[in-house]
């Protein structure tokens, strides 16, 4: 176990258009309030990723051109280190454009961006409108039925391989492709999602889950009145009639 949470942000100068700094800040504050050290390192094109020197890797979202540049560098120069880091217990969170790079490929017209192959998935830019709006999913991540809320805005449609688990099931919104009802992916220590805006400040419990998974510890609870209010506001923004839902309520909302 590390005495501090060592976070690597990949290409933060480019993959940062969906309030990704807010996700990193949330992790830092959740650690600080518990007297856990926090170390943030930016790793970009000319930098080496050291698998044994990080507990959590973060990849945010970017514009199409920037995403393409990062995709090729990821595959050519950092994929082996990422595979080794994840195999060694490092957690990885990828949001929106970063999520699209976790699978085997992302096909955009006649161009195909190479993927990392960390999860069984493919993404394709299909004809039709972008999938945009407030989104809420139900997930059993961590063994308890919970809600995740955020905002989605993506032109790509992601399709998971048979047997690969989505992060959750859509209660409001579009999800991975607007068809199969799944959103995101979870495969071992790797989590990918289209939810942003930013994700972790709207879902403090997920920030804590990531810290626990990355460090292999159980966290003491915090006084989360404001965080819970933010979570409920994000849920209500998606048009759900109740801020807090129980199992019985889910069936009525589908």
Protein backbone atom coordinates (compact mmCIF):
# COMPACT_ATOMS: atom_id res chain seq x y z
CA UNK A 1 0.00 0.00 0.00
CA UNK A 2 1.26 3.47 -0.84
CA UNK A 3 1.45 6.09 1.95
CA UNK A 4 -0.06 8.52 -0.49
CA UNK A 5 -2.25 8.39 -3.57
CA UNK A 6 -0.01 8.72 -6.63
CA UNK A 7 -2.08 9.86 -9.60
CA UNK A 8 -0.92 10.09 -13.20
CA UNK A 9 -2.95 12.31 -15.54
CA UNK A 10 -2.33 11.41 -19.17
CA UNK A 11 -2.08 14.33 -21.63
CA UNK A 12 -3.82 16.84 -19.30
CA UNK A 13 -2.89 19.72 -21.62
CA UNK A 14 -5.10 18.19 -24.36
CA UNK A 15 -7.48 15.68 -22.78
CA UNK A 16 -9.18 18.09 -20.42
CA UNK A 17 -12.25 19.62 -22.05
CA UNK A 18 -14.96 18.19 -19.79
CA UNK A 19 -13.99 19.76 -16.44
CA UNK A 20 -11.41 17.02 -15.96
CA UNK A 21 -9.44 19.20 -13.56
CA UNK A 22 -12.45 18.97 -11.24
CA UNK A 23 -12.08 15.20 -11.09
CA UNK A 24 -8.42 15.46 -10.09
CA UNK A 25 -9.17 18.16 -7.54
CA UNK A 26 -11.90 16.01 -6.01
CA UNK A 27 -9.46 13.15 -5.51
CA UNK A 28 -6.93 15.49 -3.92
CA UNK A 29 -9.47 16.96 -1.48
CA UNK A 30 -10.93 13.58 -0.48
CA UNK A 31 -7.40 12.46 0.34
CA UNK A 32 -6.40 15.65 2.16
CA UNK A 33 -9.47 15.58 4.39
CA UNK A 34 -8.39 12.13 5.53
CA UNK A 35 -4.68 13.00 5.94
CA UNK A 36 -3.73 10.86 2.97
CA UNK A 37 -0.89 12.23 0.89
CA UNK A 38 -1.58 13.12 -2.73
CA UNK A 39 0.85 13.29 -5.62
CA UNK A 40 -0.20 14.31 -9.14
CA UNK A 41 2.06 13.79 -12.15
CA UNK A 42 1.31 14.82 -15.72
CA UNK A 43 2.50 12.38 -18.38
CA UNK A 44 2.42 13.56 -21.99
CA UNK A 45 4.04 12.80 -25.34
CA UNK A 46 7.69 13.01 -24.37
CA UNK A 47 7.24 11.48 -20.92
CA UNK A 48 7.76 7.94 -19.73
CA UNK A 49 5.03 6.17 -17.78
CA UNK A 50 6.55 4.17 -14.92
CA UNK A 51 4.11 1.34 -14.00
CA UNK A 52 5.37 0.96 -10.44
CA UNK A 53 5.13 4.64 -9.61
CA UNK A 54 1.38 5.23 -9.79
CA UNK A 55 -1.74 4.03 -7.97
CA UNK A 56 -4.35 5.64 -10.22
CA UNK A 57 -4.23 6.69 -13.88
CA UNK A 58 -6.67 9.24 -15.28
CA UNK A 59 -7.49 9.95 -18.94
CA UNK A 60 -9.93 12.73 -19.74
CA UNK A 61 -11.72 13.89 -22.87
CA UNK A 62 -10.42 15.88 -25.81
CA UNK A 63 -11.23 17.33 -29.21
CA UNK A 64 -11.10 14.92 -32.16
CA UNK A 65 -7.71 16.11 -33.42
CA UNK A 66 -6.14 15.99 -29.96
CA UNK A 67 -7.69 12.62 -29.26
CA UNK A 68 -6.15 11.22 -32.45
CA UNK A 69 -2.68 12.50 -31.50
CA UNK A 70 -2.97 10.99 -28.02
CA UNK A 71 -4.33 7.67 -29.35
CA UNK A 72 -1.28 7.03 -31.49
CA UNK A 73 1.16 7.99 -28.76
CA UNK A 74 -0.69 5.84 -26.23
CA UNK A 75 -0.51 2.76 -28.40
CA UNK A 76 3.00 3.24 -29.73
CA UNK A 77 4.77 4.44 -26.59
CA UNK A 78 2.69 3.76 -23.47
CA UNK A 79 0.48 0.72 -23.98
CA UNK A 80 2.93 -1.81 -22.53
CA UNK A 81 3.43 0.33 -19.42
CA UNK A 82 -0.33 0.79 -19.01
CA UNK A 83 -0.96 -2.94 -19.31
CA UNK A 84 1.76 -3.61 -16.74
CA UNK A 85 0.43 -0.96 -14.36
CA UNK A 86 -3.13 -2.27 -14.47
CA UNK A 87 -1.96 -5.88 -14.08
CA UNK A 88 -0.01 -4.76 -11.01
CA UNK A 89 -3.12 -3.35 -9.34
CA UNK A 90 -3.16 0.25 -10.54
CA UNK A 91 -6.67 1.65 -11.00
CA UNK A 92 -7.60 3.49 -14.20
CA UNK A 93 -10.44 5.92 -14.85
CA UNK A 94 -11.11 7.11 -18.40
CA UNK A 95 -13.81 9.66 -19.25
CA UNK A 96 -15.45 10.27 -22.64
CA UNK A 97 -12.65 10.58 -25.23
CA UNK A 98 -10.32 8.68 -22.92
CA UNK A 99 -12.94 5.96 -22.56
CA UNK A 100 -13.15 5.58 -26.34
CA UNK A 101 -9.43 4.78 -26.43
CA UNK A 102 -9.67 1.91 -23.93
CA UNK A 103 -11.05 -0.56 -26.49
CA UNK A 104 -9.51 -2.00 -29.62
CA UNK A 105 -10.27 0.90 -31.94
CA UNK A 106 -12.36 3.99 -32.67
CA UNK A 107 -13.55 4.21 -36.29
CA UNK A 108 -14.31 7.71 -37.58
CA UNK A 109 -15.29 7.71 -41.24
CA UNK A 110 -12.39 6.28 -43.25
CA UNK A 111 -9.96 6.70 -40.35
CA UNK A 112 -9.52 4.22 -37.53
CA UNK A 113 -7.81 5.31 -34.33
CA UNK A 114 -5.91 2.51 -32.60
CA UNK A 115 -7.07 1.58 -29.13
CA UNK A 116 -5.27 0.30 -26.06
CA UNK A 117 -7.16 -2.98 -25.95
CA UNK A 118 -7.53 -2.78 -22.16
CA UNK A 119 -11.23 -3.63 -22.43
CA UNK A 120 -13.29 -5.63 -24.89
CA UNK A 121 -14.96 -2.83 -26.81
CA UNK A 122 -15.04 -0.94 -30.08
CA UNK A 123 -16.27 2.56 -30.85
CA UNK A 124 -17.59 3.84 -34.15
CA UNK A 125 -18.83 7.23 -35.33
CA UNK A 126 -22.19 6.34 -36.86
CA UNK A 127 -24.67 8.51 -38.77
CA UNK A 128 -27.09 10.30 -36.52
CA UNK A 129 -27.12 13.02 -33.88
CA UNK A 130 -24.68 13.30 -31.01
CA UNK A 131 -25.84 11.72 -27.78
CA UNK A 132 -26.20 14.70 -25.50
CA UNK A 133 -27.85 15.40 -22.18
CA UNK A 134 -27.94 14.75 -18.47
CA UNK A 135 -27.61 11.07 -17.71
CA UNK A 136 -28.17 8.84 -14.68
CA UNK A 137 -27.20 5.20 -14.44
CA UNK A 138 -27.62 2.55 -11.79
CA UNK A 139 -24.53 0.53 -10.94
CA UNK A 140 -23.50 -2.17 -8.51
CA UNK A 141 -19.86 -1.07 -8.52
CA UNK A 142 -18.46 -1.95 -5.12
CA UNK A 143 -21.27 -4.41 -4.40
CA UNK A 144 -24.01 -1.92 -3.58
CA UNK A 145 -26.72 -0.59 -5.87
CA UNK A 146 -26.00 3.12 -6.40
CA UNK A 147 -26.65 5.93 -8.85
CA UNK A 148 -24.10 7.77 -10.95
CA UNK A 149 -25.06 11.09 -12.52
CA UNK A 150 -23.35 13.24 -15.12
CA UNK A 151 -23.58 14.82 -18.54
CA UNK A 152 -22.89 13.01 -21.80
CA UNK A 153 -21.92 14.54 -25.15
CA UNK A 154 -20.48 12.09 -27.67
CA UNK A 155 -20.76 11.31 -31.36
CA UNK A 156 -19.13 7.90 -31.06
CA UNK A 157 -21.12 4.78 -30.20
CA UNK A 158 -19.33 2.22 -28.04
CA UNK A 159 -20.18 -1.48 -28.22
CA UNK A 160 -18.94 -3.89 -25.57
CA UNK A 161 -17.99 -7.45 -26.39
CA UNK A 162 -20.29 -10.23 -25.14
CA UNK A 163 -19.59 -10.90 -21.48
CA UNK A 164 -17.96 -7.50 -20.85
CA UNK A 165 -19.79 -5.63 -18.10
CA UNK A 166 -20.98 -2.05 -18.51
CA UNK A 167 -20.37 0.32 -15.63
CA UNK A 168 -24.13 0.53 -15.22
CA UNK A 169 -27.57 0.53 -16.76
CA UNK A 170 -29.16 3.73 -18.05
CA UNK A 171 -32.04 5.16 -16.04
CA UNK A 172 -32.05 8.50 -17.90
CA UNK A 173 -30.01 9.36 -20.99
CA UNK A 174 -28.36 7.47 -23.85
CA UNK A 175 -25.34 5.59 -22.54
CA UNK A 176 -22.77 3.80 -24.68
CA UNK A 177 -24.74 3.76 -27.92
CA UNK A 178 -28.35 4.72 -27.25
CA UNK A 179 -29.52 1.19 -27.98
CA UNK A 180 -28.50 -1.51 -25.54
CA UNK A 181 -29.09 0.33 -22.27
CA UNK A 182 -25.51 0.04 -21.03
CA UNK A 183 -23.21 2.87 -20.01
CA UNK A 184 -19.47 2.74 -19.58
CA UNK A 185 -17.39 -0.31 -18.84
CA UNK A 186 -15.78 -1.94 -15.84
CA UNK A 187 -13.16 -4.62 -16.35
CA UNK A 188 -10.94 -5.39 -13.38
CA UNK A 189 -9.33 -2.17 -12.18
CA UNK A 190 -10.33 -0.28 -15.35
CA UNK A 191 -13.39 1.97 -15.46
CA UNK A 192 -14.54 3.90 -18.52
CA UNK A 193 -17.57 6.17 -18.83
CA UNK A 194 -19.11 8.91 -20.94
CA UNK A 195 -20.31 10.75 -17.82
CA UNK A 196 -18.62 14.06 -17.13
CA UNK A 197 -19.35 17.60 -16.14
CA UNK A 198 -17.23 16.74 -14.01
CA UNK A 199 -17.96 13.21 -12.83
CA UNK A 200 -16.40 12.88 -9.38
CA UNK A 201 -17.68 16.10 -7.74
CA UNK A 202 -21.19 14.94 -8.70
CA UNK A 203 -20.53 11.46 -7.29
CA UNK A 204 -18.31 11.66 -4.22
CA UNK A 205 -18.84 7.98 -3.48
CA UNK A 206 -17.09 7.07 -6.75
CA UNK A 207 -14.07 9.19 -5.84
CA UNK A 208 -13.82 7.28 -2.56
CA UNK A 209 -14.25 3.96 -4.35
CA UNK A 210 -11.33 4.79 -6.63
CA UNK A 211 -9.09 5.81 -3.73
CA UNK A 212 -9.94 2.62 -1.86
CA UNK A 213 -9.33 0.47 -4.91
CA UNK A 214 -6.06 2.23 -5.74
CA UNK A 215 -4.62 2.03 -2.22
CA UNK A 216 -6.23 -1.17 -1.00
CA UNK A 217 -7.68 0.47 2.10
CA UNK A 218 -11.07 1.22 3.63
CA UNK A 219 -11.75 4.95 4.02
CA UNK A 220 -13.31 6.59 7.02
CA UNK A 221 -16.56 8.40 6.14
CA UNK A 222 -16.66 12.18 5.75
CA UNK A 223 -19.37 14.72 6.42
CA UNK A 224 -20.76 14.87 2.90
CA UNK A 225 -23.82 17.12 3.13
CA UNK A 226 -22.72 19.41 0.29
CA UNK A 227 -21.49 16.49 -1.80
CA UNK A 228 -24.80 14.70 -1.41
CA UNK A 229 -26.67 17.86 -2.39
CA UNK A 230 -24.56 18.11 -5.57
CA UNK A 231 -25.28 14.47 -6.31
CA UNK A 232 -29.01 14.96 -5.91
CA UNK A 233 -29.01 18.10 -8.06
CA UNK A 234 -27.27 16.16 -10.84
CA UNK A 235 -29.90 13.43 -10.61
CA UNK A 236 -32.76 15.93 -10.68
CA UNK A 237 -31.17 17.68 -13.71
CA UNK A 238 -31.73 14.46 -15.63
CA UNK A 239 -35.46 14.69 -14.96
CA UNK A 240 -35.86 12.09 -12.23
CA UNK A 241 -38.77 12.90 -9.92
CA UNK A 242 -36.93 11.81 -6.76
CA UNK A 243 -33.49 12.84 -5.58
CA UNK A 244 -32.95 9.60 -3.71
CA UNK A 245 -34.16 6.36 -5.21
CA UNK A 246 -34.45 2.91 -3.74
CA UNK A 247 -34.62 -0.45 -5.47
CA UNK A 248 -38.42 -0.40 -5.74
CA UNK A 249 -38.35 2.99 -7.44
CA UNK A 250 -36.07 1.92 -10.30
CA UNK A 251 -38.71 -0.24 -11.95
CA UNK A 252 -41.11 2.71 -12.15
CA UNK A 253 -38.53 4.91 -13.83
CA UNK A 254 -37.59 2.63 -16.70
